[in-house]
Amino acid sequence: MDDLKFLEEEIHSVVAATVDGRGLPATCVIDVMDSDEDGLYFLTANFKDFYRRLKATGYVAMTGKKGE
């Protein structure tokens, strides 16, 4: 299983990190909904701070953990 499919099917909920308008780190938990050879897919609403941060920079870092 490749890394993206593993994140989607085995981890599913990940911590997504972006930076705000002042360059400070901001995190939130998101659910990975799908993956393919082009990347990961997740949902967010356009009124959420996460959406605005992501659109402003175009970058996100994700961390997931499997286990208890």
N, C-alpha and C. Protein backbone atom coordinates (compact mmCIF):
# COMPACT_ATOMS: atom_id res chain seq x y z
N MET A 1 0.86 -1.17 0.00
CA MET A 1 0.00 0.00 0.00
C MET A 1 0.90 1.23 0.00
N ASP A 2 0.61 2.18 -0.88
CA ASP A 2 1.44 3.39 -0.90
C ASP A 2 1.09 4.33 0.25
N ASP A 3 1.94 5.31 0.46
CA ASP A 3 1.78 6.22 1.61
C ASP A 3 0.47 6.99 1.58
N LEU A 4 0.05 7.47 0.41
CA LEU A 4 -1.19 8.25 0.33
C LEU A 4 -2.40 7.39 0.63
N LYS A 5 -2.43 6.19 0.08
CA LYS A 5 -3.55 5.27 0.34
C LYS A 5 -3.57 4.87 1.81
N PHE A 6 -2.40 4.70 2.41
CA PHE A 6 -2.32 4.38 3.83
C PHE A 6 -2.91 5.51 4.67
N LEU A 7 -2.56 6.76 4.34
CA LEU A 7 -3.14 7.90 5.07
C LEU A 7 -4.66 7.92 4.93
N GLU A 8 -5.15 7.65 3.73
CA GLU A 8 -6.59 7.67 3.49
C GLU A 8 -7.30 6.54 4.24
N GLU A 9 -6.83 5.33 4.11
CA GLU A 9 -7.58 4.17 4.59
C GLU A 9 -7.24 3.75 6.02
N GLU A 10 -6.02 3.94 6.44
CA GLU A 10 -5.61 3.46 7.76
C GLU A 10 -5.56 4.57 8.82
N ILE A 11 -5.21 5.76 8.42
CA ILE A 11 -5.09 6.88 9.37
C ILE A 11 -6.38 7.71 9.34
N HIS A 12 -6.76 8.19 8.19
CA HIS A 12 -7.97 8.97 7.89
C HIS A 12 -7.97 10.37 8.52
N SER A 13 -7.89 10.50 9.82
CA SER A 13 -7.86 11.82 10.46
C SER A 13 -6.41 12.23 10.69
N VAL A 14 -6.04 13.38 10.15
CA VAL A 14 -4.66 13.86 10.25
C VAL A 14 -4.65 15.28 10.81
N VAL A 15 -3.52 15.67 11.36
CA VAL A 15 -3.33 17.06 11.78
C VAL A 15 -2.72 17.80 10.61
N ALA A 16 -3.38 18.86 10.17
CA ALA A 16 -2.91 19.67 9.07
C ALA A 16 -2.33 20.97 9.62
N ALA A 17 -1.13 21.31 9.19
CA ALA A 17 -0.47 22.52 9.67
C ALA A 17 -0.30 23.51 8.52
N THR A 18 -0.65 24.75 8.78
CA THR A 18 -0.46 25.85 7.84
C THR A 18 0.12 27.02 8.64
N VAL A 19 0.29 28.15 7.99
CA VAL A 19 0.69 29.36 8.71
C VAL A 19 -0.36 30.44 8.49
N ASP A 20 -0.53 31.28 9.49
CA ASP A 20 -1.52 32.36 9.38
C ASP A 20 -0.91 33.58 8.70
N GLY A 21 -1.65 34.65 8.62
CA GLY A 21 -1.20 35.87 7.95
C GLY A 21 0.00 36.53 8.60
N ARG A 22 0.29 36.19 9.84
CA ARG A 22 1.46 36.74 10.53
C ARG A 22 2.65 35.79 10.49
N GLY A 23 2.47 34.64 9.79
CA GLY A 23 3.54 33.66 9.70
C GLY A 23 3.61 32.71 10.88
N LEU A 24 2.58 32.72 11.71
CA LEU A 24 2.55 31.84 12.88
C LEU A 24 1.89 30.51 12.52
N PRO A 25 2.34 29.42 13.14
CA PRO A 25 1.77 28.12 12.82
C PRO A 25 0.34 27.99 13.33
N ALA A 26 -0.47 27.24 12.56
CA ALA A 26 -1.84 26.95 12.95
C ALA A 26 -2.14 25.53 12.51
N THR A 27 -2.82 24.77 13.36
CA THR A 27 -3.14 23.38 13.04
C THR A 27 -4.62 23.11 13.20
N CYS A 28 -5.08 22.08 12.53
CA CYS A 28 -6.44 21.59 12.69
C CYS A 28 -6.46 20.13 12.27
N VAL A 29 -7.48 19.41 12.71
CA VAL A 29 -7.64 18.02 12.33
C VAL A 29 -8.58 17.96 11.14
N ILE A 30 -8.16 17.23 10.09
CA ILE A 30 -9.01 17.05 8.91
C ILE A 30 -9.09 15.56 8.59
N ASP A 31 -10.11 15.19 7.85
CA ASP A 31 -10.27 13.80 7.40
C ASP A 31 -9.86 13.70 5.94
N VAL A 32 -8.97 12.76 5.65
CA VAL A 32 -8.58 12.47 4.26
C VAL A 32 -9.70 11.65 3.65
N MET A 33 -10.29 12.15 2.57
CA MET A 33 -11.46 11.51 1.98
C MET A 33 -11.13 10.56 0.84
N ASP A 34 -10.03 10.84 0.11
CA ASP A 34 -9.69 10.03 -1.05
C ASP A 34 -8.23 10.27 -1.39
N SER A 35 -7.69 9.42 -2.24
CA SER A 35 -6.33 9.60 -2.73
C SER A 35 -6.21 8.93 -4.09
N ASP A 36 -5.30 9.43 -4.91
CA ASP A 36 -4.97 8.81 -6.17
C ASP A 36 -3.54 9.19 -6.53
N GLU A 37 -3.14 8.93 -7.75
CA GLU A 37 -1.76 9.22 -8.15
C GLU A 37 -1.41 10.71 -8.13
N ASP A 38 -2.42 11.57 -8.08
CA ASP A 38 -2.19 13.01 -8.04
C ASP A 38 -2.10 13.58 -6.64
N GLY A 39 -2.57 12.85 -5.63
CA GLY A 39 -2.48 13.37 -4.27
C GLY A 39 -3.62 12.94 -3.37
N LEU A 40 -3.79 13.70 -2.29
CA LEU A 40 -4.84 13.46 -1.29
C LEU A 40 -5.99 14.43 -1.51
N TYR A 41 -7.17 14.01 -1.08
CA TYR A 41 -8.35 14.86 -1.19
C TYR A 41 -9.02 14.95 0.17
N PHE A 42 -9.37 16.17 0.55
CA PHE A 42 -10.07 16.41 1.81
C PHE A 42 -11.03 17.54 1.59
N LEU A 43 -11.96 17.69 2.51
CA LEU A 43 -12.99 18.73 2.41
C LEU A 43 -12.77 19.80 3.46
N THR A 44 -13.06 21.02 3.09
CA THR A 44 -13.12 22.13 4.04
C THR A 44 -14.08 23.17 3.46
N ALA A 45 -14.65 23.97 4.30
CA ALA A 45 -15.58 25.00 3.86
C ALA A 45 -14.83 26.30 3.60
N ASN A 46 -15.30 27.06 2.60
CA ASN A 46 -14.59 28.29 2.22
C ASN A 46 -14.69 29.41 3.26
N PHE A 47 -15.49 29.23 4.29
CA PHE A 47 -15.55 30.25 5.36
C PHE A 47 -14.65 29.89 6.55
N LYS A 48 -13.99 28.75 6.49
CA LYS A 48 -13.11 28.31 7.58
C LYS A 48 -11.73 28.97 7.48
N ASP A 49 -11.12 29.21 8.64
CA ASP A 49 -9.77 29.77 8.66
C ASP A 49 -8.78 28.86 7.95
N PHE A 50 -8.93 27.55 8.10
CA PHE A 50 -8.04 26.61 7.43
C PHE A 50 -8.06 26.81 5.92
N TYR A 51 -9.24 26.97 5.35
CA TYR A 51 -9.38 27.21 3.90
C TYR A 51 -8.63 28.49 3.50
N ARG A 52 -8.83 29.56 4.25
CA ARG A 52 -8.18 30.84 3.92
C ARG A 52 -6.66 30.73 4.01
N ARG A 53 -6.18 30.04 5.05
CA ARG A 53 -4.72 29.87 5.18
C ARG A 53 -4.16 29.04 4.04
N LEU A 54 -4.84 27.98 3.68
CA LEU A 54 -4.39 27.11 2.61
C LEU A 54 -4.38 27.84 1.27
N LYS A 55 -5.42 28.60 0.99
CA LYS A 55 -5.49 29.35 -0.27
C LYS A 55 -4.43 30.45 -0.32
N ALA A 56 -4.11 31.04 0.81
CA ALA A 56 -3.13 32.13 0.85
C ALA A 56 -1.71 31.65 0.54
N THR A 57 -1.37 30.45 1.01
CA THR A 57 0.00 29.97 0.83
C THR A 57 0.13 28.84 -0.17
N GLY A 58 -0.88 27.99 -0.25
CA GLY A 58 -0.81 26.82 -1.12
C GLY A 58 -0.04 25.65 -0.52
N TYR A 59 0.35 25.78 0.75
CA TYR A 59 1.14 24.74 1.40
C TYR A 59 0.43 24.21 2.64
N VAL A 60 0.59 22.91 2.87
CA VAL A 60 0.08 22.28 4.08
C VAL A 60 1.03 21.13 4.43
N ALA A 61 1.22 20.91 5.72
CA ALA A 61 1.96 19.75 6.20
C ALA A 61 0.97 18.90 6.98
N MET A 62 1.06 17.57 6.82
CA MET A 62 0.13 16.68 7.50
C MET A 62 0.89 15.65 8.33
N THR A 63 0.31 15.35 9.48
CA THR A 63 0.87 14.32 10.35
C THR A 63 -0.27 13.39 10.76
N GLY A 64 -0.01 12.10 10.66
CA GLY A 64 -1.00 11.12 11.09
C GLY A 64 -0.34 10.06 11.94
N LYS A 65 -1.12 9.43 12.81
CA LYS A 65 -0.58 8.40 13.69
C LYS A 65 -1.54 7.23 13.72
N LYS A 66 -1.00 6.05 13.56
CA LYS A 66 -1.81 4.84 13.65
C LYS A 66 -1.53 4.17 14.98
N GLY A 67 -2.58 3.73 15.62
CA GLY A 67 -2.41 3.04 16.89
C GLY A 67 -3.16 3.75 18.01
N GLU A 68 -3.01 3.22 19.16
CA GLU A 68 -3.70 3.79 20.32
C GLU A 68 -2.76 4.60 21.17
